[in-house]
Protein backbone atom coordinates (compact mmCIF):
# COMPACT_ATOMS: atom_id res chain seq x y z
CA MET A 1 110.28 -21.39 -89.32
CA TYR A 2 109.96 -19.42 -92.35
CA ILE A 3 112.24 -20.21 -95.61
CA PHE A 4 112.59 -17.70 -98.39
CA ARG A 5 112.59 -19.07 -102.05
CA THR A 6 112.81 -16.94 -105.39
CA SER A 7 110.55 -19.29 -107.11
CA ILE A 8 107.82 -21.88 -106.30
CA THR A 9 106.37 -24.71 -108.28
CA THR A 10 102.52 -25.07 -108.64
CA LYS A 11 100.64 -28.23 -108.40
CA ASP A 12 100.28 -28.49 -112.25
CA GLY A 13 104.09 -28.22 -112.64
CA GLY A 14 104.26 -24.48 -113.68
CA LYS A 15 106.88 -22.23 -112.09
CA ILE A 16 106.23 -18.81 -110.51
CA TYR A 17 108.96 -16.30 -110.01
CA ALA A 18 109.07 -13.83 -107.18
CA LYS A 19 110.64 -11.16 -109.54
CA ASP A 20 107.49 -11.44 -111.75
CA TYR A 21 105.43 -10.11 -108.79
CA GLY A 22 107.99 -7.29 -107.75
CA LYS A 23 109.46 -9.28 -104.93
CA ARG A 24 113.03 -10.76 -104.18
CA ALA A 25 111.58 -14.07 -102.60
CA PHE A 26 108.41 -15.81 -101.36
CA ARG A 27 108.26 -16.54 -97.69
CA ILE A 28 106.94 -20.09 -96.93
CA TRP A 29 106.14 -21.51 -93.52
CA ILE A 30 107.87 -24.81 -92.79
CA GLY A 31 107.34 -26.04 -89.17
CA PRO A 32 105.73 -28.67 -87.01
CA GLY A 33 102.46 -26.80 -86.62
CA PRO A 34 100.37 -24.19 -88.47
CA GLU A 35 101.58 -20.80 -89.36
CA PRO A 36 101.61 -18.39 -86.45
CA VAL A 37 99.34 -15.48 -86.36
CA LYS A 38 100.86 -12.15 -86.77
CA SER A 39 100.41 -10.05 -83.69
CA ASN A 40 100.85 -6.21 -83.48
């Protein structure tokens, strides 16, 4: 399952905001297994 967040925190404690990259949100995979491969 994907979740969408407007900001993410890096390992060193810094914050990255999606609006700084021209996006509304970051898509993050949260699930029991690895991220699924996109198929066309």
